[in-house]
Amino acid sequence: MAMPMAMPMPMPMGQPPRAPLGLSIAAQILLAVQVFSGVLGIVSSVLTYNYIGSDEIDNPGAIVSAFSAILGFPTFVATVIVFVIWFHRVRSNVEILAPQ
């Protein structure tokens, strides 16, 4: 007795798959800025360490640290938002292209 062939699942009605290329590039750029901010944090620590015990008031490590913090937090928030949107779009495309 022959087994009946399984019918392919129909494509769901709705939107066609959308390319996440722009979101992936934005996420990569934001991640690169996050890495740069982290490197600035390390540089600020090294600069601050070099000024320990010094009588000088101007500490370049404090300036670099402030710039790193000002750059880092908004970039982190933007990175999280863009990554979640990118991941949702990729997941939606998977459901459209391979519903099984």
N, C-alpha and C. Protein backbone atom coordinates (compact mmCIF):
# COMPACT_ATOMS: atom_id res chain seq x y z
N MET A 1 0.85 -1.15 0.00
CA MET A 1 0.00 0.00 0.00
C MET A 1 0.91 1.24 0.00
N ALA A 2 0.66 2.15 -0.91
CA ALA A 2 1.48 3.35 -1.06
C ALA A 2 1.03 4.42 -0.07
N MET A 3 2.01 5.09 0.49
CA MET A 3 1.73 6.18 1.42
C MET A 3 1.37 7.42 0.61
N PRO A 4 0.33 8.14 1.04
CA PRO A 4 0.03 9.38 0.33
C PRO A 4 1.13 10.41 0.56
N MET A 5 1.42 11.17 -0.47
CA MET A 5 2.46 12.20 -0.35
C MET A 5 1.94 13.36 0.48
N ALA A 6 2.81 13.89 1.29
CA ALA A 6 2.43 15.03 2.12
C ALA A 6 2.29 16.27 1.24
N MET A 7 1.25 16.99 1.48
CA MET A 7 1.03 18.22 0.72
C MET A 7 1.92 19.32 1.30
N PRO A 8 2.57 20.11 0.44
CA PRO A 8 3.37 21.21 0.99
C PRO A 8 2.46 22.24 1.65
N MET A 9 2.97 22.81 2.69
CA MET A 9 2.18 23.81 3.41
C MET A 9 2.09 25.07 2.56
N PRO A 10 0.91 25.66 2.50
CA PRO A 10 0.78 26.89 1.69
C PRO A 10 1.49 28.05 2.37
N MET A 11 1.93 28.99 1.55
CA MET A 11 2.56 30.20 2.09
C MET A 11 1.50 30.99 2.85
N PRO A 12 1.83 31.48 4.01
CA PRO A 12 0.84 32.26 4.75
C PRO A 12 0.54 33.58 4.03
N MET A 13 -0.69 33.97 4.15
CA MET A 13 -1.09 35.23 3.54
C MET A 13 -0.55 36.37 4.39
N GLY A 14 -0.20 37.42 3.77
CA GLY A 14 0.33 38.55 4.52
C GLY A 14 1.45 39.22 3.76
N GLN A 15 2.38 39.73 4.51
CA GLN A 15 3.47 40.48 3.90
C GLN A 15 4.52 39.53 3.33
N PRO A 16 5.14 39.93 2.23
CA PRO A 16 6.27 39.15 1.75
C PRO A 16 7.47 39.37 2.67
N PRO A 17 8.48 38.51 2.57
CA PRO A 17 9.66 38.71 3.42
C PRO A 17 10.33 40.06 3.12
N ARG A 18 10.80 40.70 4.16
CA ARG A 18 11.49 41.98 3.99
C ARG A 18 12.96 41.79 4.34
N ALA A 19 13.81 42.35 3.53
CA ALA A 19 15.25 42.20 3.75
C ALA A 19 15.69 43.00 4.97
N PRO A 20 16.41 42.36 5.88
CA PRO A 20 16.89 43.07 7.08
C PRO A 20 18.26 43.70 6.89
N LEU A 21 18.64 43.99 5.65
CA LEU A 21 19.99 44.48 5.37
C LEU A 21 20.29 45.80 6.07
N GLY A 22 19.38 46.76 5.98
CA GLY A 22 19.62 48.06 6.62
C GLY A 22 19.74 47.95 8.12
N LEU A 23 18.89 47.12 8.72
CA LEU A 23 18.96 46.93 10.17
C LEU A 23 20.24 46.22 10.58
N SER A 24 20.68 45.26 9.76
CA SER A 24 21.91 44.55 10.12
C SER A 24 23.13 45.48 10.04
N ILE A 25 23.15 46.35 9.06
CA ILE A 25 24.26 47.31 8.96
C ILE A 25 24.22 48.28 10.13
N ALA A 26 23.02 48.76 10.48
CA ALA A 26 22.90 49.67 11.62
C ALA A 26 23.35 48.99 12.91
N ALA A 27 22.97 47.73 13.10
CA ALA A 27 23.37 47.00 14.30
C ALA A 27 24.89 46.83 14.35
N GLN A 28 25.50 46.55 13.23
CA GLN A 28 26.95 46.38 13.19
C GLN A 28 27.68 47.68 13.50
N ILE A 29 27.17 48.78 12.95
CA ILE A 29 27.80 50.08 13.22
C ILE A 29 27.66 50.43 14.70
N LEU A 30 26.47 50.21 15.25
CA LEU A 30 26.27 50.51 16.67
C LEU A 30 27.14 49.62 17.56
N LEU A 31 27.30 48.36 17.19
CA LEU A 31 28.19 47.49 17.96
C LEU A 31 29.64 47.98 17.88
N ALA A 32 30.05 48.46 16.71
CA ALA A 32 31.41 49.00 16.57
C ALA A 32 31.59 50.23 17.44
N VAL A 33 30.58 51.08 17.52
CA VAL A 33 30.67 52.26 18.39
C VAL A 33 30.72 51.82 19.85
N GLN A 34 30.00 50.76 20.20
CA GLN A 34 30.05 50.24 21.56
C GLN A 34 31.46 49.75 21.90
N VAL A 35 32.08 49.06 20.96
CA VAL A 35 33.46 48.59 21.18
C VAL A 35 34.40 49.78 21.35
N PHE A 36 34.22 50.80 20.51
CA PHE A 36 35.04 52.01 20.62
C PHE A 36 34.86 52.66 21.98
N SER A 37 33.63 52.71 22.47
CA SER A 37 33.36 53.28 23.79
C SER A 37 34.04 52.46 24.89
N GLY A 38 34.03 51.15 24.74
CA GLY A 38 34.72 50.30 25.72
C GLY A 38 36.22 50.52 25.71
N VAL A 39 36.79 50.68 24.52
CA VAL A 39 38.23 50.97 24.41
C VAL A 39 38.54 52.31 25.06
N LEU A 40 37.66 53.29 24.86
CA LEU A 40 37.85 54.59 25.52
C LEU A 40 37.81 54.44 27.04
N GLY A 41 36.96 53.57 27.54
CA GLY A 41 36.93 53.32 28.97
C GLY A 41 38.24 52.74 29.48
N ILE A 42 38.83 51.84 28.72
CA ILE A 42 40.13 51.28 29.10
C ILE A 42 41.21 52.35 29.05
N VAL A 43 41.19 53.17 28.00
CA VAL A 43 42.17 54.25 27.88
C VAL A 43 42.04 55.22 29.05
N SER A 44 40.81 55.54 29.42
CA SER A 44 40.62 56.47 30.55
C SER A 44 41.15 55.87 31.85
N SER A 45 41.01 54.56 32.02
CA SER A 45 41.56 53.93 33.22
C SER A 45 43.07 54.01 33.24
N VAL A 46 43.70 53.78 32.09
CA VAL A 46 45.17 53.86 32.01
C VAL A 46 45.64 55.28 32.28
N LEU A 47 44.94 56.26 31.69
CA LEU A 47 45.33 57.66 31.91
C LEU A 47 45.14 58.07 33.37
N THR A 48 44.08 57.61 33.99
CA THR A 48 43.86 57.92 35.40
C THR A 48 44.91 57.26 36.27
N TYR A 49 45.28 56.03 35.95
CA TYR A 49 46.30 55.33 36.71
C TYR A 49 47.63 56.07 36.65
N ASN A 50 47.94 56.65 35.50
CA ASN A 50 49.21 57.38 35.36
C ASN A 50 49.22 58.66 36.18
N TYR A 51 48.06 59.18 36.56
CA TYR A 51 47.97 60.43 37.33
C TYR A 51 47.76 60.18 38.82
N ILE A 52 47.78 58.95 39.27
CA ILE A 52 47.63 58.67 40.70
C ILE A 52 48.85 59.21 41.44
N GLY A 53 48.63 59.97 42.48
CA GLY A 53 49.71 60.54 43.27
C GLY A 53 50.28 61.83 42.68
N SER A 54 49.71 62.27 41.58
CA SER A 54 50.19 63.49 40.95
C SER A 54 49.48 64.69 41.56
N ASP A 55 50.17 65.83 41.54
CA ASP A 55 49.58 67.06 42.06
C ASP A 55 48.80 67.82 40.99
N GLU A 56 48.81 67.34 39.77
CA GLU A 56 48.12 68.05 38.69
C GLU A 56 46.61 67.91 38.85
N ILE A 57 45.91 68.99 38.56
CA ILE A 57 44.46 68.99 38.68
C ILE A 57 43.82 68.42 37.41
N ASP A 58 44.37 68.76 36.27
CA ASP A 58 43.80 68.28 35.01
C ASP A 58 44.16 66.81 34.81
N ASN A 59 43.15 65.98 34.86
CA ASN A 59 43.35 64.56 34.63
C ASN A 59 42.69 64.20 33.30
N PRO A 60 43.47 63.90 32.27
CA PRO A 60 42.85 63.57 30.98
C PRO A 60 42.01 62.30 31.04
N GLY A 61 42.28 61.44 32.00
CA GLY A 61 41.47 60.23 32.15
C GLY A 61 40.03 60.54 32.49
N ALA A 62 39.81 61.59 33.28
CA ALA A 62 38.45 61.98 33.63
C ALA A 62 37.69 62.49 32.41
N ILE A 63 38.37 63.22 31.56
CA ILE A 63 37.73 63.74 30.35
C ILE A 63 37.37 62.60 29.40
N VAL A 64 38.31 61.69 29.21
CA VAL A 64 38.05 60.55 28.32
C VAL A 64 36.95 59.66 28.91
N SER A 65 36.97 59.50 30.22
CA SER A 65 35.93 58.69 30.87
C SER A 65 34.56 59.31 30.70
N ALA A 66 34.46 60.62 30.83
CA ALA A 66 33.18 61.30 30.65
C ALA A 66 32.70 61.15 29.21
N PHE A 67 33.61 61.30 28.26
CA PHE A 67 33.22 61.13 26.85
C PHE A 67 32.77 59.70 26.58
N SER A 68 33.47 58.74 27.17
CA SER A 68 33.09 57.34 27.00
C SER A 68 31.70 57.07 27.56
N ALA A 69 31.39 57.64 28.71
CA ALA A 69 30.08 57.44 29.31
C ALA A 69 28.98 58.12 28.51
N ILE A 70 29.27 59.34 28.04
CA ILE A 70 28.28 60.07 27.24
C ILE A 70 28.02 59.35 25.92
N LEU A 71 29.05 58.77 25.34
CA LEU A 71 28.90 58.04 24.09
C LEU A 71 28.31 56.66 24.31
N GLY A 72 28.70 56.02 25.39
CA GLY A 72 28.36 54.62 25.60
C GLY A 72 26.92 54.32 25.92
N PHE A 73 26.31 55.07 26.82
CA PHE A 73 24.95 54.73 27.25
C PHE A 73 23.91 54.90 26.15
N PRO A 74 23.84 56.05 25.48
CA PRO A 74 22.84 56.15 24.40
C PRO A 74 23.08 55.15 23.28
N THR A 75 24.35 54.87 23.00
CA THR A 75 24.66 53.89 21.97
C THR A 75 24.21 52.51 22.39
N PHE A 76 24.37 52.18 23.67
CA PHE A 76 23.91 50.89 24.17
C PHE A 76 22.40 50.75 24.01
N VAL A 77 21.66 51.77 24.38
CA VAL A 77 20.20 51.73 24.27
C VAL A 77 19.80 51.57 22.80
N ALA A 78 20.42 52.34 21.92
CA ALA A 78 20.11 52.25 20.49
C ALA A 78 20.47 50.87 19.93
N THR A 79 21.59 50.30 20.38
CA THR A 79 22.00 48.98 19.92
C THR A 79 20.98 47.93 20.33
N VAL A 80 20.51 47.99 21.55
CA VAL A 80 19.52 47.01 22.02
C VAL A 80 18.24 47.13 21.19
N ILE A 81 17.77 48.34 20.96
CA ILE A 81 16.53 48.54 20.21
C ILE A 81 16.68 48.04 18.77
N VAL A 82 17.77 48.42 18.10
CA VAL A 82 17.97 48.01 16.71
C VAL A 82 18.15 46.50 16.62
N PHE A 83 18.87 45.90 17.57
CA PHE A 83 19.07 44.45 17.54
C PHE A 83 17.75 43.71 17.71
N VAL A 84 16.90 44.16 18.63
CA VAL A 84 15.62 43.50 18.85
C VAL A 84 14.73 43.62 17.60
N ILE A 85 14.72 44.78 16.97
CA ILE A 85 13.93 44.95 15.74
C ILE A 85 14.49 44.07 14.63
N TRP A 86 15.80 44.03 14.49
CA TRP A 86 16.43 43.18 13.48
C TRP A 86 16.09 41.71 13.73
N PHE A 87 16.20 41.28 14.96
CA PHE A 87 15.94 39.87 15.30
C PHE A 87 14.47 39.53 15.02
N HIS A 88 13.55 40.43 15.33
CA HIS A 88 12.14 40.20 15.06
C HIS A 88 11.89 40.07 13.55
N ARG A 89 12.52 40.93 12.76
CA ARG A 89 12.34 40.86 11.31
C ARG A 89 12.89 39.55 10.75
N VAL A 90 14.05 39.13 11.23
CA VAL A 90 14.63 37.89 10.75
C VAL A 90 13.74 36.71 11.13
N ARG A 91 13.22 36.74 12.34
CA ARG A 91 12.32 35.67 12.80
C ARG A 91 11.03 35.65 11.99
N SER A 92 10.49 36.80 11.67
CA SER A 92 9.28 36.87 10.83
C SER A 92 9.55 36.32 9.44
N ASN A 93 10.71 36.60 8.90
CA ASN A 93 11.06 36.07 7.58
C ASN A 93 11.16 34.56 7.60
N VAL A 94 11.67 34.01 8.68
CA VAL A 94 11.78 32.54 8.78
C VAL A 94 10.39 31.91 8.75
N GLU A 95 9.45 32.51 9.45
CA GLU A 95 8.10 31.96 9.44
C GLU A 95 7.47 32.04 8.07
N ILE A 96 7.80 33.04 7.28
CA ILE A 96 7.25 33.17 5.93
C ILE A 96 7.93 32.20 4.97
N LEU A 97 9.25 32.11 5.05
CA LEU A 97 10.00 31.30 4.08
C LEU A 97 9.97 29.81 4.40
N ALA A 98 9.95 29.46 5.67
CA ALA A 98 9.95 28.04 6.06
C ALA A 98 8.98 27.84 7.22
N PRO A 99 7.67 27.77 6.92
CA PRO A 99 6.69 27.70 8.01
C PRO A 99 6.74 26.41 8.81
N GLN A 100 7.32 25.36 8.30
CA GLN A 100 7.37 24.11 9.04
C GLN A 100 8.42 24.19 10.11
